[in-house]
């Protein structure tokens, strides 16, 4: 089986080896086809991904040549496949994903399953979320921006990664593992200080660890960061968590962060 990786790099591997795609245009073409997850892409859209709004003369022939090179490289690592994986359609190209695995698809499916069960089975949710997050080794496609389709897909996958981390920390908090995840929460909060859910989760974990003053200090720093960088006040949910800590609300001692969102703001 061929495995394609885009969560941190760009790679195609099988038990027979890896297909090394060199050259900017071949990489852009392959990553565009991969983020399309098996859907056919028109030649015009692909040329925009490779060359922008004003493709050079002969771009259609160049696209065909790049597609042929990618097809040959993939064939080298799955020589017994009867049908080419990269096929030409009447108005474009399609990378067939039958019998192949894309790490981004596996990630999204695992996260979706975890989110469906996490309130009733947080331990099982953690068992899905942690392996899913380990599929990431860096920025999508190694940080290569690509064209509009690739940039949109990268943003979508990155947001899904952050949501998966939020779901993971909520599940861990439900299991009473606030001390075990403190270091992770500090790291993600420092990496993304404007994401209020991470701040809320860190505040709750600190409070449960007997560090109320530190939890409130975290809130104040985030509050100031929001004002300085975005010119906005904290959301009602962040202020509810702050108020709950000040009031030592019993809801803080159990469940996920959402358990304290019903607290009233005076």
C-alpha atoms as a PDB file:
ATOM      1  CA  UNK A   1       0.000   0.000   0.000  1.00  0.00           C
ATOM      2  CA  UNK A   2       1.181   3.492  -0.848  1.00  0.00           C
ATOM      3  CA  UNK A   3       1.153   6.059   1.929  1.00  0.00           C
ATOM      4  CA  UNK A   4       1.173   9.758   1.169  1.00  0.00           C
ATOM      5  CA  UNK A   5       2.323  12.248   3.779  1.00  0.00           C
ATOM      6  CA  UNK A   6       1.560  15.961   3.835  1.00  0.00           C
ATOM      7  CA  UNK A   7       1.394  16.659   7.596  1.00  0.00           C
ATOM      8  CA  UNK A   8       4.906  17.954   8.035  1.00  0.00           C
ATOM      9  CA  UNK A   9       6.438  17.090   4.698  1.00  0.00           C
ATOM     10  CA  UNK A  10       5.623  15.786   1.242  1.00  0.00           C
ATOM     11  CA  UNK A  11       6.304  12.111   0.684  1.00  0.00           C
ATOM     12  CA  UNK A  12       5.016   8.992  -1.025  1.00  0.00           C
ATOM     13  CA  UNK A  13       6.213   5.681   0.409  1.00  0.00           C
ATOM     14  CA  UNK A  14       5.478   1.984   0.027  1.00  0.00           C
ATOM     15  CA  UNK A  15       7.179  -1.228   1.186  1.00  0.00           C
ATOM     16  CA  UNK A  16       9.322  -0.908  -1.959  1.00  0.00           C
ATOM     17  CA  UNK A  17      10.699   2.534  -1.089  1.00  0.00           C
ATOM     18  CA  UNK A  18       9.872   6.186  -1.427  1.00  0.00           C
ATOM     19  CA  UNK A  19       9.107   8.370  -4.423  1.00  0.00           C
ATOM     20  CA  UNK A  20      11.263  11.462  -4.197  1.00  0.00           C
ATOM     21  CA  UNK A  21       9.586  14.406  -5.889  1.00  0.00           C
ATOM     22  CA  UNK A  22      12.155  17.053  -6.672  1.00  0.00           C
ATOM     23  CA  UNK A  23      11.654  20.420  -8.222  1.00  0.00           C
ATOM     24  CA  UNK A  24       9.271  23.155  -7.142  1.00  0.00           C
ATOM     25  CA  UNK A  25       6.643  22.584  -9.821  1.00  0.00           C
ATOM     26  CA  UNK A  26       6.419  18.825  -9.349  1.00  0.00           C
ATOM     27  CA  UNK A  27       6.081  19.292  -5.602  1.00  0.00           C
ATOM     28  CA  UNK A  28       3.356  21.889  -6.067  1.00  0.00           C
ATOM     29  CA  UNK A  29       1.486  19.639  -8.456  1.00  0.00           C
ATOM     30  CA  UNK A  30       1.655  16.620  -6.155  1.00  0.00           C
ATOM     31  CA  UNK A  31       0.646  18.539  -3.053  1.00  0.00           C
ATOM     32  CA  UNK A  32      -2.290  20.128  -4.904  1.00  0.00           C
ATOM     33  CA  UNK A  33      -3.523  16.707  -5.992  1.00  0.00           C
ATOM     34  CA  UNK A  34      -3.068  15.317  -2.467  1.00  0.00           C
ATOM     35  CA  UNK A  35      -4.891  18.091  -0.622  1.00  0.00           C
ATOM     36  CA  UNK A  36      -7.741  17.570  -3.090  1.00  0.00           C
ATOM     37  CA  UNK A  37      -8.131  14.095  -1.511  1.00  0.00           C
ATOM     38  CA  UNK A  38      -8.961  12.162  -4.672  1.00  0.00           C
ATOM     39  CA  UNK A  39     -11.024  14.796  -6.443  1.00  0.00           C
ATOM     40  CA  UNK A  40     -10.304  15.702 -10.073  1.00  0.00           C
ATOM     41  CA  UNK A  41      -8.735  19.153 -10.560  1.00  0.00           C
ATOM     42  CA  UNK A  42      -9.015  21.102 -13.790  1.00  0.00           C
ATOM     43  CA  UNK A  43      -5.932  21.975 -15.776  1.00  0.00           C
ATOM     44  CA  UNK A  44      -6.646  25.677 -15.357  1.00  0.00           C
ATOM     45  CA  UNK A  45      -6.752  25.346 -11.564  1.00  0.00           C
ATOM     46  CA  UNK A  46      -3.558  23.324 -11.530  1.00  0.00           C
ATOM     47  CA  UNK A  47      -1.751  25.868 -13.686  1.00  0.00           C
ATOM     48  CA  UNK A  48      -2.848  28.606 -11.286  1.00  0.00           C
ATOM     49  CA  UNK A  49      -1.438  26.574  -8.403  1.00  0.00           C
ATOM     50  CA  UNK A  50       1.880  26.146 -10.183  1.00  0.00           C
ATOM     51  CA  UNK A  51       2.365  29.506 -11.884  1.00  0.00           C
ATOM     52  CA  UNK A  52      -0.190  31.948 -10.503  1.00  0.00           C
ATOM     53  CA  UNK A  53      -2.792  33.971 -12.362  1.00  0.00           C
ATOM     54  CA  UNK A  54      -0.600  34.462 -15.453  1.00  0.00           C
ATOM     55  CA  UNK A  55       0.821  31.065 -16.491  1.00  0.00           C
ATOM     56  CA  UNK A  56       3.637  31.261 -19.049  1.00  0.00           C
ATOM     57  CA  UNK A  57       3.284  30.232 -22.676  1.00  0.00           C
ATOM     58  CA  UNK A  58       3.400  26.459 -22.950  1.00  0.00           C
ATOM     59  CA  UNK A  59       2.148  25.963 -19.379  1.00  0.00           C
ATOM     60  CA  UNK A  60      -0.305  23.243 -20.449  1.00  0.00           C
ATOM     61  CA  UNK A  61       2.499  21.188 -22.017  1.00  0.00           C
ATOM     62  CA  UNK A  62       4.710  21.754 -18.982  1.00  0.00           C
ATOM     63  CA  UNK A  63       1.892  20.600 -16.703  1.00  0.00           C
ATOM     64  CA  UNK A  64       1.539  17.435 -18.753  1.00  0.00           C
ATOM     65  CA  UNK A  65       5.282  16.786 -18.482  1.00  0.00           C
ATOM     66  CA  UNK A  66       5.301  17.281 -14.701  1.00  0.00           C
ATOM     67  CA  UNK A  67       2.297  14.965 -14.341  1.00  0.00           C
ATOM     68  CA  UNK A  68       4.071  12.277 -16.393  1.00  0.00           C
ATOM     69  CA  UNK A  69       7.174  12.475 -14.193  1.00  0.00           C
ATOM     70  CA  UNK A  70       5.100  12.144 -11.012  1.00  0.00           C
ATOM     71  CA  UNK A  71       3.189   9.215 -12.513  1.00  0.00           C
ATOM     72  CA  UNK A  72       6.446   7.406 -13.276  1.00  0.00           C
ATOM     73  CA  UNK A  73       7.852   8.017  -9.804  1.00  0.00           C
ATOM     74  CA  UNK A  74       4.750   6.652  -8.103  1.00  0.00           C
ATOM     75  CA  UNK A  75       4.755   3.661 -10.461  1.00  0.00           C
ATOM     76  CA  UNK A  76       8.270   2.804  -9.245  1.00  0.00           C
ATOM     77  CA  UNK A  77       7.024   2.175  -5.689  1.00  0.00           C
ATOM     78  CA  UNK A  78       3.870   0.261  -6.690  1.00  0.00           C
ATOM     79  CA  UNK A  79       4.832  -1.468  -9.966  1.00  0.00           C
ATOM     80  CA  UNK A  80       2.107  -4.117  -9.725  1.00  0.00           C
ATOM     81  CA  UNK A  81      -0.807  -1.693  -9.763  1.00  0.00           C
ATOM     82  CA  UNK A  82      -2.781  -2.236 -12.953  1.00  0.00           C
ATOM     83  CA  UNK A  83      -4.183   1.285 -13.341  1.00  0.00           C
ATOM     84  CA  UNK A  84      -2.000   4.386 -13.122  1.00  0.00           C
ATOM     85  CA  UNK A  85      -2.609   6.275  -9.904  1.00  0.00           C
ATOM     86  CA  UNK A  86      -2.338   9.677 -11.568  1.00  0.00           C
ATOM     87  CA  UNK A  87      -4.772   9.798 -14.452  1.00  0.00           C
ATOM     88  CA  UNK A  88      -5.653  12.389 -17.054  1.00  0.00           C
ATOM     89  CA  UNK A  89      -9.255  13.549 -17.176  1.00  0.00           C
ATOM     90  CA  UNK A  90     -10.878  15.359 -20.142  1.00  0.00           C
ATOM     91  CA  UNK A  91     -10.198  18.733 -18.522  1.00  0.00           C
ATOM     92  CA  UNK A  92      -7.601  18.004 -15.863  1.00  0.00           C
ATOM     93  CA  UNK A  93      -5.969  15.407 -13.599  1.00  0.00           C
ATOM     94  CA  UNK A  94      -6.926  13.159 -10.708  1.00  0.00           C
ATOM     95  CA  UNK A  95      -4.810  11.284  -8.178  1.00  0.00           C
ATOM     96  CA  UNK A  96      -6.729   8.108  -7.371  1.00  0.00           C
ATOM     97  CA  UNK A  97      -6.640   7.278  -3.665  1.00  0.00           C
ATOM     98  CA  UNK A  98      -8.088   3.771  -3.849  1.00  0.00           C
ATOM     99  CA  UNK A  99      -5.768   1.434  -1.995  1.00  0.00           C
ATOM    100  CA  UNK A 100      -3.669   4.360  -0.748  1.00  0.00           C
ATOM    101  CA  UNK A 101      -3.525   6.184   2.558  1.00  0.00           C
ATOM    102  CA  UNK A 102      -3.247   9.929   3.109  1.00  0.00           C
ATOM    103  CA  UNK A 103      -2.112  10.942   6.584  1.00  0.00           C
ATOM    104  CA  UNK A 104      -4.348  14.032   6.573  1.00  0.00           C
ATOM    105  CA  UNK A 105      -7.449  11.937   5.869  1.00  0.00           C
ATOM    106  CA  UNK A 106      -6.535   9.449   8.592  1.00  0.00           C
ATOM    107  CA  UNK A 107      -6.001  12.369  10.983  1.00  0.00           C
ATOM    108  CA  UNK A 108      -9.353  14.028  10.263  1.00  0.00           C
ATOM    109  CA  UNK A 109     -11.256  10.739  10.556  1.00  0.00           C
ATOM    110  CA  UNK A 110      -9.649   9.847  13.898  1.00  0.00           C
ATOM    111  CA  UNK A 111     -10.374  13.290  15.320  1.00  0.00           C
ATOM    112  CA  UNK A 112     -13.998  13.108  14.187  1.00  0.00           C
ATOM    113  CA  UNK A 113     -14.440   9.725  15.905  1.00  0.00           C
ATOM    114  CA  UNK A 114     -12.849  11.064  19.090  1.00  0.00           C
ATOM    115  CA  UNK A 115     -15.079  14.109  19.178  1.00  0.00           C
ATOM    116  CA  UNK A 116     -18.183  11.951  18.856  1.00  0.00           C
ATOM    117  CA  UNK A 117     -17.331   9.897  21.941  1.00  0.00           C
ATOM    118  CA  UNK A 118     -15.207  12.131  24.155  1.00  0.00           C
ATOM    119  CA  UNK A 119     -17.960  13.282  26.524  1.00  0.00           C
ATOM    120  CA  UNK A 120     -19.028   9.703  27.269  1.00  0.00           C
ATOM    121  CA  UNK A 121     -15.675   7.949  26.812  1.00  0.00           C
ATOM    122  CA  UNK A 122     -12.802  10.424  27.366  1.00  0.00           C
ATOM    123  CA  UNK A 123     -10.217   7.657  27.799  1.00  0.00           C
ATOM    124  CA  UNK A 124     -11.037   6.239  24.377  1.00  0.00           C
ATOM    125  CA  UNK A 125     -10.991   9.739  22.907  1.00  0.00           C
ATOM    126  CA  UNK A 126      -7.470  10.283  24.233  1.00  0.00           C
ATOM    127  CA  UNK A 127      -6.488   6.941  22.700  1.00  0.00           C
ATOM    128  CA  UNK A 128      -7.594   8.258  19.311  1.00  0.00           C
ATOM    129  CA  UNK A 129      -6.373  11.838  19.585  1.00  0.00           C
ATOM    130  CA  UNK A 130      -2.799  11.293  20.698  1.00  0.00           C
ATOM    131  CA  UNK A 131      -1.853   8.927  17.826  1.00  0.00           C
ATOM    132  CA  UNK A 132      -3.661  11.232  15.394  1.00  0.00           C
ATOM    133  CA  UNK A 133      -1.669  14.248  16.553  1.00  0.00           C
ATOM    134  CA  UNK A 134       1.572  12.254  16.276  1.00  0.00           C
ATOM    135  CA  UNK A 135       0.964  12.078  12.520  1.00  0.00           C
ATOM    136  CA  UNK A 136       2.086  15.721  12.434  1.00  0.00           C
ATOM    137  CA  UNK A 137       5.816  16.386  12.146  1.00  0.00           C
ATOM    138  CA  UNK A 138       5.686  20.037  11.051  1.00  0.00           C
ATOM    139  CA  UNK A 139       3.828  22.443   8.792  1.00  0.00           C
ATOM    140  CA  UNK A 140       1.604  21.068   6.010  1.00  0.00           C
ATOM    141  CA  UNK A 141       3.745  20.020   3.016  1.00  0.00           C
ATOM    142  CA  UNK A 142       6.832  21.193   4.849  1.00  0.00           C
ATOM    143  CA  UNK A 143       5.593  24.779   4.901  1.00  0.00           C
ATOM    144  CA  UNK A 144       5.537  25.139   1.119  1.00  0.00           C
ATOM    145  CA  UNK A 145       2.708  27.648   0.551  1.00  0.00           C
ATOM    146  CA  UNK A 146       1.632  26.598  -2.949  1.00  0.00           C
ATOM    147  CA  UNK A 147      -1.321  28.276  -4.610  1.00  0.00           C
ATOM    148  CA  UNK A 148      -4.844  29.133  -3.398  1.00  0.00           C
ATOM    149  CA  UNK A 149      -6.024  25.518  -3.067  1.00  0.00           C
ATOM    150  CA  UNK A 150      -2.963  24.462  -1.086  1.00  0.00           C
ATOM    151  CA  UNK A 151      -3.041  27.517   1.163  1.00  0.00           C
ATOM    152  CA  UNK A 152      -6.719  26.966   1.946  1.00  0.00           C
ATOM    153  CA  UNK A 153      -6.133  23.284   2.682  1.00  0.00           C
ATOM    154  CA  UNK A 154      -3.140  24.051   4.905  1.00  0.00           C
ATOM    155  CA  UNK A 155      -5.223  26.514   6.923  1.00  0.00           C
ATOM    156  CA  UNK A 156      -8.038  23.979   7.196  1.00  0.00           C
ATOM    157  CA  UNK A 157      -5.787  21.168   8.395  1.00  0.00           C
ATOM    158  CA  UNK A 158      -3.990  23.461  10.845  1.00  0.00           C
ATOM    159  CA  UNK A 159      -7.278  24.610  12.382  1.00  0.00           C
ATOM    160  CA  UNK A 160      -8.329  20.975  12.686  1.00  0.00           C
ATOM    161  CA  UNK A 161      -5.051  20.230  14.476  1.00  0.00           C
ATOM    162  CA  UNK A 162      -5.694  22.992  17.005  1.00  0.00           C
ATOM    163  CA  UNK A 163      -9.246  21.764  17.551  1.00  0.00           C
ATOM    164  CA  UNK A 164      -7.899  18.245  18.105  1.00  0.00           C
ATOM    165  CA  UNK A 165      -5.516  19.550  20.752  1.00  0.00           C
ATOM    166  CA  UNK A 166      -8.373  21.372  22.483  1.00  0.00           C
ATOM    167  CA  UNK A 167     -10.430  18.160  22.473  1.00  0.00           C
ATOM    168  CA  UNK A 168      -7.452  16.203  23.818  1.00  0.00           C
ATOM    169  CA  UNK A 169      -6.881  18.580  26.733  1.00  0.00           C
ATOM    170  CA  UNK A 170     -10.590  18.656  27.566  1.00  0.00           C
ATOM    171  CA  UNK A 171     -10.605  14.855  27.630  1.00  0.00           C
ATOM    172  CA  UNK A 172      -7.514  14.754  29.850  1.00  0.00           C
ATOM    173  CA  UNK A 173      -9.115  17.269  32.224  1.00  0.00           C
ATOM    174  CA  UNK A 174     -12.221  15.093  32.405  1.00  0.00           C
ATOM    175  CA  UNK A 175      -9.956  12.226  33.475  1.00  0.00           C
ATOM    176  CA  UNK A 176      -8.368  14.334  36.251  1.00  0.00           C
ATOM    177  CA  UNK A 177      -4.952  14.510  34.570  1.00  0.00           C
ATOM    178  CA  UNK A 178      -4.476  18.266  35.003  1.00  0.00           C
ATOM    179  CA  UNK A 179      -0.977  17.935  36.483  1.00  0.00           C
ATOM    180  CA  UNK A 180       0.170  15.580  33.715  1.00  0.00           C
ATOM    181  CA  UNK A 181      -0.775  18.000  30.921  1.00  0.00           C
ATOM    182  CA  UNK A 182       0.466  21.242  32.480  1.00  0.00           C
ATOM    183  CA  UNK A 183       3.714  21.291  30.492  1.00  0.00           C
ATOM    184  CA  UNK A 184       1.894  20.595  27.220  1.00  0.00           C
ATOM    185  CA  UNK A 185      -0.668  23.290  27.927  1.00  0.00           C
ATOM    186  CA  UNK A 186       2.025  25.847  28.726  1.00  0.00           C
ATOM    187  CA  UNK A 187       3.768  25.091  25.443  1.00  0.00           C
ATOM    188  CA  UNK A 188       0.695  25.351  23.227  1.00  0.00           C
ATOM    189  CA  UNK A 189      -0.465  28.499  25.017  1.00  0.00           C
ATOM    190  CA  UNK A 190       2.932  30.148  24.483  1.00  0.00           C
ATOM    191  CA  UNK A 191       2.889  29.112  20.817  1.00  0.00           C
ATOM    192  CA  UNK A 192      -0.623  30.506  20.294  1.00  0.00           C
ATOM    193  CA  UNK A 193      -1.320  33.077  23.047  1.00  0.00           C
ATOM    194  CA  UNK A 194      -4.370  34.506  21.272  1.00  0.00           C
ATOM    195  CA  UNK A 195      -6.272  31.212  21.251  1.00  0.00           C
ATOM    196  CA  UNK A 196      -8.458  31.631  24.290  1.00  0.00           C
ATOM    197  CA  UNK A 197      -9.452  27.977  24.717  1.00  0.00           C
ATOM    198  CA  UNK A 198      -5.836  27.016  25.418  1.00  0.00           C
ATOM    199  CA  UNK A 199      -5.682  29.808  27.985  1.00  0.00           C
ATOM    200  CA  UNK A 200      -8.889  28.584  29.646  1.00  0.00           C
ATOM    201  CA  UNK A 201      -7.612  25.013  29.786  1.00  0.00           C
ATOM    202  CA  UNK A 202      -4.283  26.105  31.251  1.00  0.00           C
ATOM    203  CA  UNK A 203      -6.078  28.230  33.850  1.00  0.00           C
ATOM    204  CA  UNK A 204      -8.231  25.282  34.925  1.00  0.00           C
ATOM    205  CA  UNK A 205      -5.240  22.929  35.086  1.00  0.00           C
ATOM    206  CA  UNK A 206      -3.303  25.444  37.200  1.00  0.00           C
ATOM    207  CA  UNK A 207      -6.244  26.019  39.517  1.00  0.00           C
ATOM    208  CA  UNK A 208      -6.724  22.291  40.066  1.00  0.00           C
ATOM    209  CA  UNK A 209      -3.010  22.045  40.832  1.00  0.00           C
ATOM    210  CA  UNK A 210      -3.391  24.559  43.657  1.00  0.00           C
ATOM    211  CA  UNK A 211      -1.950  27.509  41.728  1.00  0.00           C
ATOM    212  CA  UNK A 212      -4.840  29.962  41.680  1.00  0.00           C
ATOM    213  CA  UNK A 213      -2.697  33.103  41.514  1.00  0.00           C
ATOM    214  CA  UNK A 214      -0.771  31.729  38.531  1.00  0.00           C
ATOM    215  CA  UNK A 215      -4.032  30.863  36.796  1.00  0.00           C
ATOM    216  CA  UNK A 216      -5.297  34.430  37.235  1.00  0.00           C
ATOM    217  CA  UNK A 217      -1.971  35.837  36.055  1.00  0.00           C
ATOM    218  CA  UNK A 218      -2.251  33.746  32.898  1.00  0.00           C
ATOM    219  CA  UNK A 219      -5.670  35.266  32.257  1.00  0.00           C
ATOM    220  CA  UNK A 220      -4.408  38.827  32.774  1.00  0.00           C
ATOM    221  CA  UNK A 221      -1.504  38.338  30.366  1.00  0.00           C
ATOM    222  CA  UNK A 222      -3.810  36.899  27.710  1.00  0.00           C
ATOM    223  CA  UNK A 223      -6.249  39.748  28.252  1.00  0.00           C
ATOM    224  CA  UNK A 224      -3.477  42.289  27.681  1.00  0.00           C
ATOM    225  CA  UNK A 225      -2.222  40.383  24.632  1.00  0.00           C
ATOM    226  CA  UNK A 226      -5.687  40.459  23.074  1.00  0.00           C
ATOM    227  CA  UNK A 227      -5.944  44.192  23.620  1.00  0.00           C
ATOM    228  CA  UNK A 228      -2.434  44.957  22.368  1.00  0.00           C
ATOM    229  CA  UNK A 229      -2.472  42.738  19.282  1.00  0.00           C
ATOM    230  CA  UNK A 230      -6.129  42.598  18.243  1.00  0.00           C
ATOM    231  CA  UNK A 231      -7.684  45.556  20.003  1.00  0.00           C
ATOM    232  CA  UNK A 232     -10.413  43.363  21.532  1.00  0.00           C
ATOM    233  CA  UNK A 233     -11.482  42.330  25.017  1.00  0.00           C
ATOM    234  CA  UNK A 234     -11.531  38.683  26.099  1.00  0.00           C
ATOM    235  CA  UNK A 235     -14.526  36.601  25.118  1.00  0.00           C
ATOM    236  CA  UNK A 236     -17.329  35.954  27.621  1.00  0.00           C
ATOM    237  CA  UNK A 237     -16.154  32.344  28.005  1.00  0.00           C
ATOM    238  CA  UNK A 238     -12.666  33.385  29.139  1.00  0.00           C
ATOM    239  CA  UNK A 239     -14.139  35.879  31.581  1.00  0.00           C
ATOM    240  CA  UNK A 240     -16.448  33.163  32.948  1.00  0.00           C
ATOM    241  CA  UNK A 241     -13.460  30.960  33.692  1.00  0.00           C
ATOM    242  CA  UNK A 242     -11.690  33.879  35.396  1.00  0.00           C
ATOM    243  CA  UNK A 243     -14.766  34.627  37.496  1.00  0.00           C
ATOM    244  CA  UNK A 244     -15.153  30.955  38.417  1.00  0.00           C
ATOM    245  CA  UNK A 245     -11.560  30.887  39.669  1.00  0.00           C
ATOM    246  CA  UNK A 246     -12.047  34.054  41.702  1.00  0.00           C
ATOM    247  CA  UNK A 247     -15.200  32.549  43.207  1.00  0.00           C
ATOM    248  CA  UNK A 248     -13.588  29.110  43.609  1.00  0.00           C
ATOM    249  CA  UNK A 249     -16.580  27.636  41.827  1.00  0.00           C
ATOM    250  CA  UNK A 250     -16.932  23.863  42.504  1.00  0.00           C
ATOM    251  CA  UNK A 251     -17.508  23.351  38.755  1.00  0.00           C
ATOM    252  CA  UNK A 252     -13.763  23.914  38.305  1.00  0.00           C
ATOM    253  CA  UNK A 253     -12.971  20.682  40.099  1.00  0.00           C
ATOM    254  CA  UNK A 254     -14.519  18.338  37.565  1.00  0.00           C
ATOM    255  CA  UNK A 255     -15.130  17.848  33.896  1.00  0.00           C
ATOM    256  CA  UNK A 256     -13.864  19.807  30.891  1.00  0.00           C
ATOM    257  CA  UNK A 257     -13.567  23.583  30.602  1.00  0.00           C
ATOM    258  CA  UNK A 258     -17.116  23.752  29.272  1.00  0.00           C
ATOM    259  CA  UNK A 259     -18.305  22.741  32.740  1.00  0.00           C
ATOM    260  CA  UNK A 260     -17.558  26.239  34.018  1.00  0.00           C
ATOM    261  CA  UNK A 261     -18.958  28.185  31.071  1.00  0.00           C
ATOM    262  CA  UNK A 262     -22.371  28.346  32.712  1.00  0.00           C
ATOM    263  CA  UNK A 263     -20.950  30.467  35.534  1.00  0.00           C
ATOM    264  CA  UNK A 264     -22.494  33.923  35.765  1.00  0.00           C
ATOM    265  CA  UNK A 265     -20.438  37.060  35.176  1.00  0.00           C
ATOM    266  CA  UNK A 266     -21.289  39.697  37.774  1.00  0.00           C
END
